[in-house]
Amino acid sequence: IYRKNDIHKHKQEELKTTSLVRHIGHFVIVALPLLGMAFILAILSVLIVDLQEHGGSIHTTTVSAALEDFEPYYEIVIFASFAAIVSFIVTAARNVQFAVYKTRTATSKPGQYSYELVIINFAAAVINIVAHMGFILLITFQVSQENPPYARPLHAVGSFMYFAGTAVYAILHVYLLIQQQDRYHRWLVLPLFTTVTMAMIACIAIFAVNLPDMEALEFEWAAVALSAVHFGLFSILFQIDNVDDEIRDFFCGCQCLYRRTRNEYNT
């Protein structure tokens, strides 16, 4: 009797611990997009304040130029790189979330599984990861850096990768959300993502067209800020559609070990 009571008590404690771990894991997944957004917006705010203190303006200075003139330069580069790394994690998590949705759809509605959407989901994730690799390039190599000689070309390539990649990813992501209208609040989530995506693409287009004349540079700042906001909106998706276990398994690869340990314990 005492042994049965001990086993029951141990199981109750294990359930409480598991529940706590799950809540912490869910909080981390939901918070990561907001953290990445906060880092980028904070960096932009710091750069704008620094510009104003030195008599500059976002109307006449690009983000890259403001970043280059900021001191301490490498400290802000570290923060920006951290935001890029967070974006890698969140992009992969969103990829897993959509993959789980398609698997559930295939189970509940046989015949509606689309390999086209699987390919688009994977391609979108790769594009966004490459885009933020470009972000790391453009902040690592300065816009007017002369040594090494490949610094400027790499900065230009990184800028193109970031702006083009984030725009394409945002479009593909809206398309994927349209396929998930039954899962999310169609009158809230989809219009929200669509509005931010359209605004971001408009800002990127206006900035690109006027860049040769160094005009309308404020639209670059707006595009980066909107990209960060788009990133932060992923928290809504992770909160509505909880796939924490699948995301954990993707990053940790511990599903088999967890199941085997649980089965051995129950036995």
Protein backbone atom coordinates (compact mmCIF):
# COMPACT_ATOMS: atom_id res chain seq x y z
CA ILE A 1 0.00 0.00 0.00
CA TYR A 2 2.79 2.40 0.94
CA ARG A 3 4.63 1.56 -2.28
CA LYS A 4 1.50 2.24 -4.34
CA ASN A 5 1.05 5.56 -2.58
CA ASP A 6 4.69 6.46 -3.26
CA ILE A 7 4.30 5.58 -6.93
CA HIS A 8 1.09 7.62 -7.18
CA LYS A 9 2.75 10.58 -5.44
CA HIS A 10 5.77 10.29 -7.71
CA LYS A 11 3.53 10.28 -10.79
CA GLN A 12 1.68 13.37 -9.55
CA GLU A 13 4.97 15.20 -9.02
CA GLU A 14 6.16 14.13 -12.46
CA LEU A 15 2.95 15.44 -14.04
CA LYS A 16 3.36 18.78 -12.27
CA THR A 17 6.97 19.04 -13.45
CA THR A 18 6.00 18.12 -17.01
CA SER A 19 3.20 20.68 -16.97
CA LEU A 20 5.58 23.38 -15.73
CA VAL A 21 8.14 22.54 -18.41
CA ARG A 22 5.42 22.67 -21.09
CA HIS A 23 4.25 26.09 -19.90
CA ILE A 24 7.81 27.42 -19.88
CA GLY A 25 8.42 25.99 -23.36
CA HIS A 26 5.23 27.56 -24.70
CA PHE A 27 6.16 30.90 -23.17
CA VAL A 28 9.59 30.79 -24.82
CA ILE A 29 8.14 29.95 -28.24
CA VAL A 30 5.56 32.74 -28.02
CA ALA A 31 8.09 35.24 -26.66
CA LEU A 32 10.87 34.66 -29.21
CA PRO A 33 9.23 36.58 -32.10
CA LEU A 34 8.47 39.48 -29.76
CA LEU A 35 12.05 39.41 -28.51
CA GLY A 36 13.44 39.54 -32.05
CA MET A 37 11.09 42.39 -32.95
CA ALA A 38 12.03 44.30 -29.81
CA PHE A 39 15.76 44.00 -30.58
CA ILE A 40 15.39 45.37 -34.12
CA LEU A 41 13.07 48.21 -33.10
CA ALA A 42 15.37 49.08 -30.19
CA ILE A 43 18.38 49.20 -32.54
CA LEU A 44 16.50 51.48 -34.94
CA SER A 45 15.46 53.74 -32.07
CA VAL A 46 19.04 53.99 -30.79
CA LEU A 47 20.32 54.81 -34.28
CA ILE A 48 17.65 57.51 -34.77
CA VAL A 49 18.48 59.14 -31.43
CA ASP A 50 22.19 59.04 -32.29
CA LEU A 51 21.45 60.62 -35.69
CA GLN A 52 19.46 63.43 -34.12
CA GLU A 53 22.20 64.12 -31.60
CA HIS A 54 24.69 64.57 -34.48
CA GLY A 55 22.34 66.69 -36.59
CA GLY A 56 21.38 63.88 -38.95
CA SER A 57 18.00 62.63 -40.13
CA ILE A 58 16.44 59.45 -41.44
CA HIS A 59 15.44 61.48 -44.52
CA THR A 60 19.07 61.93 -45.53
CA THR A 61 20.82 58.90 -43.99
CA THR A 62 20.43 55.20 -44.72
CA VAL A 63 20.26 52.63 -41.96
CA SER A 64 23.65 51.25 -43.07
CA ALA A 65 25.30 54.68 -42.89
CA ALA A 66 23.80 55.37 -39.46
CA LEU A 67 24.97 51.97 -38.26
CA GLU A 68 28.49 52.59 -39.56
CA ASP A 69 28.77 55.93 -37.74
CA PHE A 70 27.41 54.59 -34.47
CA GLU A 71 29.76 53.95 -31.55
CA PRO A 72 30.26 51.37 -30.12
CA TYR A 73 29.74 49.74 -33.51
CA TYR A 74 30.45 46.10 -32.69
CA GLU A 75 28.17 46.03 -29.66
CA ILE A 76 25.16 46.96 -31.77
CA VAL A 77 26.28 44.43 -34.40
CA ILE A 78 26.17 41.72 -31.73
CA PHE A 79 22.60 42.68 -30.78
CA ALA A 80 21.55 42.72 -34.45
CA SER A 81 23.19 39.33 -35.04
CA PHE A 82 21.33 37.93 -32.05
CA ALA A 83 18.05 39.14 -33.58
CA ALA A 84 18.99 37.38 -36.83
CA ILE A 85 19.69 34.14 -34.98
CA VAL A 86 16.32 34.39 -33.24
CA SER A 87 14.74 34.79 -36.69
CA PHE A 88 16.36 31.51 -37.79
CA ILE A 89 14.75 29.71 -34.85
CA VAL A 90 11.33 31.32 -35.32
CA THR A 91 11.34 30.65 -39.08
CA ALA A 92 12.08 26.97 -38.47
CA ALA A 93 9.38 26.82 -35.77
CA ARG A 94 6.80 28.36 -38.12
CA ASN A 95 7.84 25.86 -40.81
CA VAL A 96 7.19 23.02 -38.37
CA GLN A 97 3.86 24.54 -37.33
CA PHE A 98 2.57 24.63 -40.91
CA ALA A 99 3.89 21.11 -41.57
CA VAL A 100 1.95 19.84 -38.54
CA TYR A 101 -1.17 21.60 -39.84
CA LYS A 102 -0.85 19.84 -43.20
CA THR A 103 -0.35 16.50 -41.47
CA ARG A 104 -3.49 17.02 -39.40
CA THR A 105 -5.41 18.03 -42.53
CA ALA A 106 -4.27 14.88 -44.32
CA THR A 107 -5.47 12.79 -41.38
CA SER A 108 -8.86 14.45 -40.96
CA LYS A 109 -9.50 15.17 -44.66
CA PRO A 110 -7.90 12.47 -46.81
CA GLY A 111 -7.26 13.53 -50.37
CA GLN A 112 -6.64 17.19 -49.52
CA TYR A 113 -2.92 16.83 -48.79
CA SER A 114 -0.96 19.11 -51.12
CA TYR A 115 2.71 18.54 -51.83
CA GLU A 116 2.74 21.96 -53.50
CA LEU A 117 2.09 23.63 -50.15
CA VAL A 118 4.76 21.51 -48.47
CA ILE A 119 7.30 22.68 -51.06
CA ILE A 120 6.20 26.32 -50.72
CA ASN A 121 6.44 26.08 -46.93
CA PHE A 122 9.97 24.68 -47.13
CA ALA A 123 11.05 27.17 -49.80
CA ALA A 124 9.66 30.09 -47.78
CA ALA A 125 11.62 29.01 -44.70
CA VAL A 126 14.85 28.71 -46.71
CA ILE A 127 14.30 32.12 -48.30
CA ASN A 128 13.77 33.83 -44.93
CA ILE A 129 16.82 32.16 -43.41
CA VAL A 130 18.92 33.25 -46.41
CA ALA A 131 17.44 36.76 -46.10
CA HIS A 132 18.59 37.06 -42.50
CA MET A 133 21.99 35.65 -43.43
CA GLY A 134 22.09 38.65 -45.75
CA PHE A 135 21.15 40.81 -42.76
CA ILE A 136 24.22 39.53 -40.93
CA LEU A 137 26.35 40.29 -44.00
CA LEU A 138 25.15 43.87 -44.34
CA ILE A 139 25.78 44.69 -40.69
CA THR A 140 29.15 42.92 -40.61
CA PHE A 141 30.56 44.71 -43.66
CA GLN A 142 30.08 48.47 -43.65
CA VAL A 143 28.71 50.44 -46.57
CA SER A 144 31.90 52.49 -47.09
CA GLN A 145 34.43 49.96 -45.82
CA GLU A 146 37.51 49.79 -48.08
CA ASN A 147 39.45 47.00 -46.42
CA PRO A 148 39.08 44.17 -47.30
CA PRO A 149 38.23 45.08 -50.92
CA TYR A 150 35.26 42.69 -51.01
CA ALA A 151 33.54 44.42 -48.07
CA ARG A 152 31.40 46.79 -50.13
CA PRO A 153 30.21 44.13 -52.62
CA LEU A 154 29.29 41.82 -49.73
CA HIS A 155 27.38 44.64 -48.04
CA ALA A 156 25.43 45.27 -51.25
CA VAL A 157 24.74 41.54 -51.69
CA GLY A 158 23.61 41.30 -48.06
CA SER A 159 21.26 44.26 -48.50
CA PHE A 160 19.69 42.69 -51.58
CA MET A 161 19.35 39.31 -49.85
CA TYR A 162 17.68 40.89 -46.83
CA PHE A 163 15.16 43.18 -48.51
CA ALA A 164 14.31 40.89 -51.42
CA GLY A 165 14.21 37.80 -49.21
CA THR A 166 11.98 39.28 -46.51
CA ALA A 167 9.58 40.62 -49.15
CA VAL A 168 9.30 37.26 -50.94
CA TYR A 169 8.92 35.41 -47.65
CA ALA A 170 6.16 37.77 -46.49
CA ILE A 171 4.24 37.16 -49.73
CA LEU A 172 4.61 33.38 -49.52
CA HIS A 173 3.63 33.46 -45.86
CA VAL A 174 0.41 35.34 -46.61
CA TYR A 175 -0.36 32.68 -49.23
CA LEU A 176 0.21 29.93 -46.66
CA LEU A 177 -2.02 31.74 -44.16
CA ILE A 178 -4.79 31.84 -46.77
CA GLN A 179 -4.60 28.04 -46.82
CA GLN A 180 -5.02 28.04 -43.04
CA GLN A 181 -8.09 30.26 -42.80
CA ASP A 182 -9.93 27.52 -40.95
CA ARG A 183 -7.25 27.49 -38.26
CA TYR A 184 -6.83 31.19 -37.51
CA HIS A 185 -9.22 34.09 -37.08
CA ARG A 186 -9.63 35.00 -40.75
CA TRP A 187 -10.86 38.50 -39.99
CA LEU A 188 -7.93 39.26 -37.70
CA VAL A 189 -4.78 37.30 -38.48
CA LEU A 190 -4.88 37.31 -42.28
CA PRO A 191 -5.76 41.03 -42.69
CA LEU A 192 -3.10 41.92 -40.11
CA PHE A 193 -0.33 40.01 -41.88
CA THR A 194 -1.54 41.17 -45.31
CA THR A 195 -1.54 44.84 -44.29
CA VAL A 196 1.95 44.71 -42.80
CA THR A 197 3.25 42.77 -45.83
CA MET A 198 1.81 45.24 -48.34
CA ALA A 199 3.15 48.22 -46.40
CA MET A 200 6.60 46.64 -46.11
CA ILE A 201 6.80 45.80 -49.82
CA ALA A 202 5.65 49.32 -50.73
CA CYS A 203 8.38 50.84 -48.55
CA ILE A 204 11.04 48.56 -50.03
CA ALA A 205 9.94 49.43 -53.58
CA ILE A 206 9.92 53.19 -52.92
CA PHE A 207 13.33 53.00 -51.27
CA ALA A 208 14.84 50.93 -54.10
CA VAL A 209 13.50 53.25 -56.81
CA ASN A 210 14.83 56.40 -55.11
CA LEU A 211 18.11 54.95 -53.83
CA PRO A 212 20.25 56.09 -56.83
CA ASP A 213 19.26 59.69 -56.09
CA MET A 214 19.58 59.14 -52.31
CA GLU A 215 15.99 60.29 -51.79
CA ALA A 216 13.10 58.92 -49.73
CA LEU A 217 15.58 57.15 -47.44
CA GLU A 218 13.06 57.18 -44.61
CA PHE A 219 11.26 54.36 -46.40
CA GLU A 220 14.22 52.08 -45.75
CA TRP A 221 13.84 52.71 -42.02
CA ALA A 222 10.11 52.04 -42.32
CA ALA A 223 10.75 48.81 -44.26
CA VAL A 224 13.12 47.47 -41.59
CA ALA A 225 10.67 48.43 -38.83
CA LEU A 226 7.76 46.76 -40.64
CA SER A 227 9.87 43.65 -41.22
CA ALA A 228 10.44 43.49 -37.47
CA VAL A 229 6.71 43.95 -36.79
CA HIS A 230 5.91 41.18 -39.30
CA PHE A 231 8.34 38.99 -37.39
CA GLY A 232 6.71 39.82 -34.05
CA LEU A 233 3.25 38.87 -35.32
CA PHE A 234 4.34 35.25 -35.35
CA SER A 235 3.68 35.23 -31.61
CA ILE A 236 -0.04 35.33 -32.41
CA LEU A 237 0.26 32.22 -34.57
CA PHE A 238 2.21 30.32 -31.93
CA GLN A 239 -0.33 31.29 -29.28
CA ILE A 240 -3.37 30.25 -31.32
CA ASP A 241 -1.98 27.02 -32.75
CA ASN A 242 -0.02 25.22 -30.05
CA VAL A 243 2.44 22.74 -31.57
CA ASP A 244 5.05 23.03 -28.82
CA ASP A 245 5.76 19.30 -28.66
CA GLU A 246 6.46 19.06 -32.39
CA ILE A 247 8.69 22.15 -32.30
CA ARG A 248 10.55 20.71 -29.31
CA ASP A 249 11.05 17.43 -31.13
CA PHE A 250 12.34 19.26 -34.22
CA PHE A 251 14.98 21.18 -32.28
CA CYS A 252 15.82 18.57 -29.64
CA GLY A 253 15.16 15.30 -31.44
CA CYS A 254 14.06 13.80 -28.11
CA GLN A 255 10.70 12.30 -29.11
CA CYS A 256 11.89 8.68 -29.25
CA LEU A 257 13.82 8.95 -26.01
CA TYR A 258 10.86 10.59 -24.27
CA ARG A 259 8.40 7.93 -25.40
CA ARG A 260 10.74 5.07 -24.54
CA THR A 261 11.41 6.46 -21.06
CA ARG A 262 7.70 7.00 -20.45
CA ASN A 263 6.80 3.49 -21.57
CA GLU A 264 9.51 1.96 -19.40
CA TYR A 265 8.24 3.95 -16.41
CA ASN A 266 4.63 2.89 -16.98
CA THR A 267 5.72 -0.73 -17.29
